[in-house]
Structure formats: structure tokens, C-alpha cells
Protein backbone atom coordinates (compact mmCIF):
# COMPACT_ATOMS: atom_id res chain seq x y z
CA MET A 1 0.13 0.07 -0.07
CA LYS A 2 2.80 2.23 0.59
CA PHE A 3 4.11 2.11 -2.87
CA SER A 4 0.59 3.06 -4.10
CA SER A 5 0.49 6.23 -1.88
CA GLU A 6 3.87 7.26 -3.09
CA GLU A 7 2.86 6.58 -6.72
CA SER A 8 0.03 8.72 -6.20
CA PHE A 9 2.18 11.78 -4.81
CA PHE A 10 4.21 11.70 -7.96
CA ASP A 11 1.49 11.40 -10.17
CA ALA A 12 -0.20 14.60 -8.66
CA GLN A 13 3.20 16.45 -9.49
CA PRO A 14 3.80 17.57 -13.19
CA MET A 15 7.01 15.59 -14.31
CA PHE A 16 8.92 15.64 -17.59
CA VAL A 17 11.51 13.28 -18.83
CA CYS A 18 13.95 15.16 -21.08
CA ASP A 19 17.17 14.26 -22.91
CA GLN A 20 20.02 15.85 -21.02
CA SER A 21 21.89 17.40 -23.77
CA THR A 22 19.20 18.76 -25.81
CA LEU A 23 16.54 19.28 -23.15
CA LYS A 24 13.96 17.75 -25.63
CA ILE A 25 10.84 16.46 -23.78
CA LEU A 26 10.71 12.57 -24.10
CA ASP A 27 7.85 11.97 -21.75
CA VAL A 28 5.41 13.44 -19.47
CA ASN A 29 3.16 12.33 -16.58
CA ASN A 30 -0.71 12.59 -16.59
CA ALA A 31 -0.45 15.48 -14.13
CA ALA A 32 1.55 17.50 -16.55
CA VAL A 33 -1.20 17.05 -19.36
CA SER A 34 -3.99 17.75 -17.05
CA ILE A 35 -2.36 20.91 -15.23
CA LEU A 36 -0.89 22.42 -18.19
CA GLY A 37 -3.91 21.41 -20.60
CA TYR A 38 -1.97 20.10 -23.51
CA PRO A 39 -2.11 16.48 -24.98
CA LYS A 40 0.99 14.49 -24.60
CA LYS A 41 2.02 14.67 -28.07
CA TYR A 42 2.32 18.62 -27.88
CA PHE A 43 5.13 18.12 -25.18
CA TYR A 44 6.98 15.80 -27.57
CA LYS A 45 7.72 18.70 -29.94
CA LYS A 46 9.00 20.99 -27.19
CA ARG A 47 12.17 21.52 -25.12
CA VAL A 48 11.78 21.89 -21.40
CA VAL A 49 13.09 25.37 -21.88
CA ASP A 50 10.16 26.38 -24.04
CA LEU A 51 7.75 25.89 -21.27
CA GLY A 52 9.31 28.10 -18.46
CA THR A 53 9.49 31.47 -17.21
CA GLN A 54 12.68 33.37 -17.53
CA LYS A 55 13.20 33.07 -13.74
CA SER A 56 12.62 29.31 -13.98
CA LEU A 57 15.03 29.05 -16.86
CA ASN A 58 17.74 30.77 -15.00
CA GLU A 59 17.11 28.17 -12.15
CA LEU A 60 17.22 25.36 -14.44
CA ASP A 61 20.43 26.71 -15.98
CA ALA A 62 22.21 27.11 -12.56
CA SER A 63 20.95 23.73 -11.43
CA LEU A 64 22.21 21.93 -14.65
CA LYS A 65 25.58 23.69 -14.10
CA ALA A 66 25.83 22.79 -10.71
CA HIS A 67 25.18 18.99 -11.40
CA LYS A 68 27.11 18.79 -14.53
CA GLY A 69 28.48 15.36 -14.92
CA GLN A 70 26.50 13.94 -12.03
CA ILE A 71 23.26 13.36 -13.84
CA SER A 72 22.83 10.10 -15.82
């Protein structure tokens, strides 16, 4: 039952799987589809940087630089 509740938690949060080098979106969960209001296929034509505000993009850039070589 614990796994089910943990799974529900992550299903409620919009999540994206993207290519590390290109930032192209490879997959999204149902929460991202529901909250952002686009079909899954819409995201597959985008990069994660196409969806953010300038502030969030700056934060993403800083995070990627800080973790360079650590993400697999």
C-alpha cells in the first residue's frame, strides 16, 4: 500500500523526462497533461526550456551547471 500512496504523490506532480543534452521532452506524466492542458503529443515537440518563465529557466540553468557530470 505504501508504494501506491507514493505513486499517487508523484502522479499529482507534473513531471517531465527530457534528454540531458538537448533538453527535448521525451515523456510527461498525466499531471503535466492535466495541469498544463495540452495533449502528450504537444510536449514531444518541445524542449523543457520552451515551457518556463525566464526566472525558472535561470534556475534550471544554474541547477544543470551545478550538477554537470552527475546526472545520468
